[in-house]
Amino acid sequence: MDDYLERYPKTVTLKGNLEATLRPLVAADEKAFHEFFCTVPETERLLFKHRVTEPEVIHDWCQRIDYGKILPLLAIADGKIVADASLHQQLGGWKRHIGRISVVVHPGYRGRGLARKMIQELIDVASDAGLEKLEAEFLGNQQAARLAFAELGFSDLLVLPDYVKDMQALAHDYVLMGRHIITDEEYAGMG
């Protein structure tokens, strides 16, 4: 994974000529990372798998960084964390060729193409890491997020009605989206 980390920090330009720096999460980001998650509206945080406003959760994540299993990629703009996108990998077992991507963008920085740039960045990392497929999990009502992934080649693999429950124990549809990663060898054979 060290080879992939050498590409950071990387500066990207977003709509409105805003520049953001992409780089991996480090332990020293703990306070700012917690503050970032606190800016996400509560109605959205209810849909998360983890209680991200609890300092202990963020502390654990920041103290147990293992880029080989989870690569948390941050976007920094205006001196603060404005997005988090993560690539999750299993290092063994029957899903070792499949990565999972998740992304969260600060409400004030949405609509600028940041989620799309971060998803594409993690697709590139996954490809370089030799992964063959990518997944992304959603609740059925996360339409904007699903659209961002669909624009980058993800499609619905599975929809299970009322399958998961949010932090208030309300049932939601579970949606699994996925896409195949075309390797250099496959791409060369397409001509």
Protein backbone atom coordinates (compact mmCIF):
# COMPACT_ATOMS: atom_id res chain seq x y z
CA MET A 1 0.00 0.00 0.00
CA ASP A 2 2.98 2.34 0.48
CA ASP A 3 3.26 2.68 -3.30
CA TYR A 4 -0.31 4.01 -3.49
CA LEU A 5 0.27 6.46 -0.66
CA GLU A 6 3.13 8.13 -2.55
CA ARG A 7 0.59 9.82 -4.85
CA TYR A 8 -0.61 11.99 -1.95
CA PRO A 9 -1.08 14.75 -1.14
CA LYS A 10 -2.83 15.58 -4.40
CA THR A 11 -4.64 18.81 -5.26
CA VAL A 12 -7.91 18.72 -7.21
CA THR A 13 -9.93 21.62 -8.59
CA LEU A 14 -13.67 21.56 -7.99
CA LYS A 15 -16.55 23.52 -9.52
CA GLY A 16 -16.28 27.18 -8.58
CA ASN A 17 -12.45 26.98 -8.79
CA LEU A 18 -12.23 25.66 -5.24
CA GLU A 19 -9.10 23.62 -4.62
CA ALA A 20 -9.07 20.66 -2.28
CA THR A 21 -6.14 18.53 -1.16
CA LEU A 22 -6.64 14.77 -1.06
CA ARG A 23 -4.60 12.76 1.42
CA PRO A 24 -4.96 9.75 3.73
CA LEU A 25 -6.26 10.11 7.28
CA VAL A 26 -3.55 10.25 9.96
CA ALA A 27 -3.85 9.91 13.74
CA ALA A 28 -3.35 13.66 14.23
CA ASP A 29 -6.62 14.29 12.30
CA GLU A 30 -8.74 12.92 15.16
CA LYS A 31 -10.23 16.23 16.40
CA ALA A 32 -10.84 17.63 12.89
CA PHE A 33 -12.26 14.29 11.71
CA HIS A 34 -14.75 14.26 14.59
CA GLU A 35 -15.69 17.89 13.84
CA PHE A 36 -16.26 16.96 10.19
CA PHE A 37 -18.73 14.21 11.07
CA CYS A 38 -20.55 16.57 13.44
CA THR A 39 -21.28 18.86 10.45
CA VAL A 40 -23.22 16.11 8.69
CA PRO A 41 -26.95 16.62 9.32
CA GLU A 42 -28.43 14.32 11.95
CA THR A 43 -30.98 13.04 9.44
CA GLU A 44 -28.08 11.67 7.37
CA ARG A 45 -26.06 10.38 10.33
CA LEU A 46 -29.02 8.20 11.25
CA LEU A 47 -28.22 6.25 8.10
CA PHE A 48 -24.57 5.58 8.99
CA LYS A 49 -23.39 2.22 10.31
CA HIS A 50 -21.40 3.83 13.14
CA ARG A 51 -22.12 6.52 15.71
CA VAL A 52 -19.64 8.98 14.20
CA THR A 53 -20.40 11.82 16.61
CA GLU A 54 -19.12 9.76 19.54
CA PRO A 55 -15.48 10.78 20.10
CA GLU A 56 -14.55 7.21 21.11
CA VAL A 57 -15.55 5.90 17.66
CA ILE A 58 -13.36 8.43 15.84
CA HIS A 59 -10.53 7.92 18.36
CA ASP A 60 -10.57 4.18 17.66
CA TRP A 61 -10.51 4.76 13.89
CA CYS A 62 -7.62 7.23 14.13
CA GLN A 63 -5.55 5.04 16.45
CA ARG A 64 -6.06 1.84 14.44
CA ILE A 65 -5.26 3.02 10.92
CA ASP A 66 -4.34 0.11 8.64
CA TYR A 67 -4.20 1.38 5.07
CA GLY A 68 -4.03 -2.20 3.78
CA LYS A 69 -7.52 -2.89 5.11
CA ILE A 70 -9.10 0.55 4.97
CA LEU A 71 -7.74 3.54 3.08
CA PRO A 72 -9.57 6.61 4.47
CA LEU A 73 -8.98 9.44 2.01
CA LEU A 74 -9.71 12.99 3.19
CA ALA A 75 -10.39 16.14 1.20
CA ILE A 76 -9.09 19.31 2.87
CA ALA A 77 -10.35 22.74 1.76
CA ASP A 78 -10.51 26.09 3.52
CA GLY A 79 -8.35 24.61 6.30
CA LYS A 80 -10.79 21.86 7.27
CA ILE A 81 -11.85 18.33 6.35
CA VAL A 82 -14.67 18.60 3.83
CA ALA A 83 -15.01 14.97 2.69
CA ASP A 84 -14.06 11.42 3.60
CA ALA A 85 -13.98 8.53 1.16
CA SER A 86 -12.82 5.06 2.15
CA LEU A 87 -11.72 1.96 0.29
CA HIS A 88 -12.26 -1.18 2.37
CA GLN A 89 -10.46 -4.43 1.46
CA GLN A 90 -10.44 -7.95 2.82
CA LEU A 91 -6.92 -9.33 2.73
CA GLY A 92 -8.04 -12.95 2.49
CA GLY A 93 -11.10 -15.10 1.97
CA TRP A 94 -13.62 -15.32 -0.79
CA LYS A 95 -14.08 -11.53 -1.15
CA ARG A 96 -10.36 -10.64 -1.29
CA HIS A 97 -10.75 -9.44 -4.92
CA ILE A 98 -13.61 -7.07 -4.03
CA GLY A 99 -13.26 -3.61 -2.49
CA ARG A 100 -15.99 -1.49 -0.92
CA ILE A 101 -16.16 2.29 -1.25
CA SER A 102 -18.01 4.77 0.94
CA VAL A 103 -18.02 8.57 0.76
CA VAL A 104 -19.35 11.47 2.86
CA VAL A 105 -19.15 15.14 1.81
CA HIS A 106 -19.64 18.18 4.07
CA PRO A 107 -23.04 19.76 3.24
CA GLY A 108 -21.41 23.09 2.32
CA TYR A 109 -19.19 21.44 -0.31
CA ARG A 110 -21.75 19.32 -2.16
CA GLY A 111 -22.61 19.90 -5.80
CA ARG A 112 -18.98 20.73 -6.72
CA GLY A 113 -17.95 17.30 -8.04
CA LEU A 114 -15.98 16.35 -4.94
CA ALA A 115 -17.70 13.01 -4.32
CA ARG A 116 -17.16 12.04 -7.95
CA LYS A 117 -13.44 12.94 -7.82
CA MET A 118 -12.94 10.97 -4.61
CA ILE A 119 -14.82 7.92 -5.88
CA GLN A 120 -12.75 7.97 -9.08
CA GLU A 121 -9.57 8.32 -7.03
CA LEU A 122 -10.45 5.21 -5.03
CA ILE A 123 -11.41 3.31 -8.20
CA ASP A 124 -7.89 4.07 -9.48
CA VAL A 125 -6.30 2.93 -6.20
CA ALA A 126 -8.40 -0.25 -6.24
CA SER A 127 -7.34 -0.99 -9.81
CA ASP A 128 -3.68 -0.43 -8.98
CA ALA A 129 -4.08 -2.70 -5.93
CA GLY A 130 -5.30 -5.52 -8.18
CA LEU A 131 -8.92 -5.54 -7.04
CA GLU A 132 -11.38 -6.82 -9.66
CA LYS A 133 -14.70 -5.53 -8.38
CA LEU A 134 -16.01 -2.71 -6.23
CA GLU A 135 -19.12 -2.46 -4.09
CA ALA A 136 -20.98 0.36 -2.40
CA GLU A 137 -23.80 0.00 0.12
CA PHE A 138 -26.74 2.37 0.48
CA LEU A 139 -30.11 2.76 2.04
CA GLY A 140 -32.82 3.05 -0.59
CA ASN A 141 -33.51 6.74 0.03
CA GLN A 142 -29.88 7.83 -0.57
CA GLN A 143 -30.68 8.77 -4.16
CA ALA A 144 -28.02 11.48 -4.67
CA ALA A 145 -25.24 9.22 -3.43
CA ARG A 146 -26.44 6.33 -5.59
CA LEU A 147 -26.49 8.62 -8.63
CA ALA A 148 -22.88 9.73 -8.02
CA PHE A 149 -21.79 6.08 -8.03
CA ALA A 150 -23.98 5.21 -11.03
CA GLU A 151 -22.28 7.97 -13.05
CA LEU A 152 -18.97 6.14 -12.45
CA GLY A 153 -20.16 2.76 -13.68
CA PHE A 154 -21.81 1.28 -10.59
CA SER A 155 -25.17 -0.43 -10.99
CA ASP A 156 -27.65 -2.02 -8.60
CA LEU A 157 -26.68 -5.60 -7.79
CA LEU A 158 -29.24 -6.18 -5.08
CA VAL A 159 -32.19 -4.38 -3.50
CA LEU A 160 -33.69 -5.83 -0.31
CA PRO A 161 -36.86 -4.04 0.86
CA ASP A 162 -36.98 -3.02 4.55
CA TYR A 163 -33.83 -5.04 5.27
CA VAL A 164 -31.74 -2.71 7.45
CA LYS A 165 -32.51 -0.34 10.32
CA ASP A 166 -31.12 3.13 10.94
CA MET A 167 -29.95 4.49 14.31
CA GLN A 168 -33.60 5.10 15.28
CA ALA A 169 -34.53 1.49 14.40
CA LEU A 170 -36.55 2.52 11.32
CA ALA A 171 -36.48 0.01 8.46
CA HIS A 172 -35.00 0.97 5.08
CA ASP A 173 -34.31 -0.76 1.80
CA TYR A 174 -30.76 -2.07 1.48
CA VAL A 175 -29.10 -1.43 -1.89
CA LEU A 176 -25.83 -3.01 -2.98
CA MET A 177 -24.25 -1.42 -6.05
CA GLY A 178 -21.18 -2.73 -7.82
CA ARG A 179 -18.90 -2.43 -10.79
CA HIS A 180 -16.17 -4.44 -12.45
CA ILE A 181 -12.69 -2.92 -12.68
CA ILE A 182 -11.18 -3.29 -16.12
CA THR A 183 -7.54 -4.31 -15.82
CA ASP A 184 -4.86 -3.16 -18.25
CA GLU A 185 -4.89 -6.61 -19.86
CA GLU A 186 -8.66 -6.55 -20.38
CA TYR A 187 -8.53 -2.99 -21.73
CA ALA A 188 -5.79 -3.94 -24.23
CA GLY A 189 -7.94 -6.82 -25.49
CA MET A 190 -10.90 -4.53 -26.23
CA GLY A 191 -9.29 -2.97 -29.32
